[in-house]
Protein backbone atom coordinates (compact mmCIF):
# COMPACT_ATOMS: atom_id res chain seq x y z
CA UNK A 1 78.89 84.47 56.42
CA UNK A 2 79.40 88.22 56.51
CA UNK A 3 82.58 89.20 54.67
CA UNK A 4 83.10 92.63 56.25
CA UNK A 5 82.34 91.87 59.87
CA UNK A 6 82.62 95.04 61.96
CA UNK A 7 84.41 94.93 65.30
CA UNK A 8 83.26 97.15 68.16
CA UNK A 9 85.96 99.74 68.69
CA UNK A 10 85.28 99.73 72.42
CA UNK A 11 84.95 96.08 73.51
CA UNK A 12 86.25 94.19 70.45
CA UNK A 13 83.03 92.22 69.90
CA UNK A 14 82.33 91.15 66.32
CA UNK A 15 79.03 92.80 65.33
CA UNK A 16 76.23 92.15 62.93
CA UNK A 17 74.18 95.15 61.81
CA UNK A 18 71.47 94.61 64.42
CA UNK A 19 74.14 94.95 67.12
CA UNK A 20 75.40 98.38 65.98
CA UNK A 21 75.22 101.23 68.46
CA UNK A 22 72.95 104.24 67.90
CA UNK A 23 73.35 107.99 67.58
CA UNK A 24 71.05 110.54 69.26
CA UNK A 25 68.91 110.69 66.11
CA UNK A 26 68.49 106.89 66.14
CA UNK A 27 70.84 106.27 63.21
CA UNK A 28 73.24 103.33 63.43
CA UNK A 29 76.88 103.70 64.43
CA UNK A 30 78.90 100.83 62.96
CA UNK A 31 82.02 101.61 64.99
CA UNK A 32 80.56 100.59 68.35
CA UNK A 33 78.15 97.88 69.52
CA UNK A 34 74.77 98.53 71.14
CA UNK A 35 76.17 97.41 74.50
CA UNK A 36 78.93 100.05 74.48
CA UNK A 37 77.33 102.94 72.57
CA UNK A 38 73.71 104.11 72.72
CA UNK A 39 71.92 107.38 71.91
CA UNK A 40 75.14 109.08 70.82
CA UNK A 41 77.29 108.24 73.82
CA UNK A 42 79.12 105.48 75.61
CA UNK A 43 77.09 103.39 78.04
CA UNK A 44 78.76 103.84 81.39
CA UNK A 45 82.01 105.73 81.76
CA UNK A 46 84.39 102.83 82.14
CA UNK A 47 88.13 102.92 81.88
CA UNK A 48 89.98 100.55 79.58
CA UNK A 49 90.96 98.48 82.62
CA UNK A 50 87.32 98.21 83.72
CA UNK A 51 86.33 97.13 80.20
CA UNK A 52 89.06 94.46 80.31
CA UNK A 53 87.68 93.17 83.63
CA UNK A 54 84.17 93.05 82.16
CA UNK A 55 85.17 91.35 78.88
CA UNK A 56 87.70 88.81 80.22
CA UNK A 57 85.10 86.20 81.31
CA UNK A 58 83.62 86.22 77.78
CA UNK A 59 87.06 85.41 76.34
CA UNK A 60 87.38 82.39 78.65
CA UNK A 61 83.78 81.31 77.96
CA UNK A 62 84.39 81.58 74.21
CA UNK A 63 87.54 79.47 74.42
CA UNK A 64 89.89 82.30 73.37
CA UNK A 65 91.75 82.20 76.69
CA UNK A 66 92.37 79.39 79.18
CA UNK A 67 91.71 81.49 82.29
CA UNK A 68 90.93 85.03 83.42
CA UNK A 69 94.57 86.01 83.84
CA UNK A 70 95.38 85.03 80.25
CA UNK A 71 92.24 86.76 78.99
CA UNK A 72 93.10 89.99 80.82
CA UNK A 73 96.67 89.94 79.50
CA UNK A 74 95.43 89.42 75.92
CA UNK A 75 92.83 92.17 76.21
CA UNK A 76 95.34 94.63 77.70
CA UNK A 77 97.41 94.09 74.55
CA UNK A 78 94.43 94.25 72.17
CA UNK A 79 92.31 97.11 73.54
CA UNK A 80 94.87 99.88 72.90
CA UNK A 81 94.49 99.10 69.18
CA UNK A 82 90.74 99.92 69.30
CA UNK A 83 89.61 103.48 68.47
CA UNK A 84 88.00 104.22 71.84
CA UNK A 85 91.18 103.45 73.74
CA UNK A 86 93.75 104.80 71.24
CA UNK A 87 92.73 108.33 72.17
CA UNK A 88 93.37 107.71 75.85
CA UNK A 89 96.93 106.38 75.49
């Protein structure tokens, strides 16, 4: 198992190298996943609250929260610690 697992600094997803985002020149960006960051920019222009809404079902599905309300509350606490959202708060 990967020792230094990177965490997407936008959605919090643990990433393996093939899931890294990309810069405009095609190089890998290991701070953001390919779902959040592509070709040197963020995919979509979501707010932190919109990202929480999008990610909450995955937390329930993965067993990290019992329901959507718990997932949203956990993510609202966690996301401000991620680089993308630190700058906005």
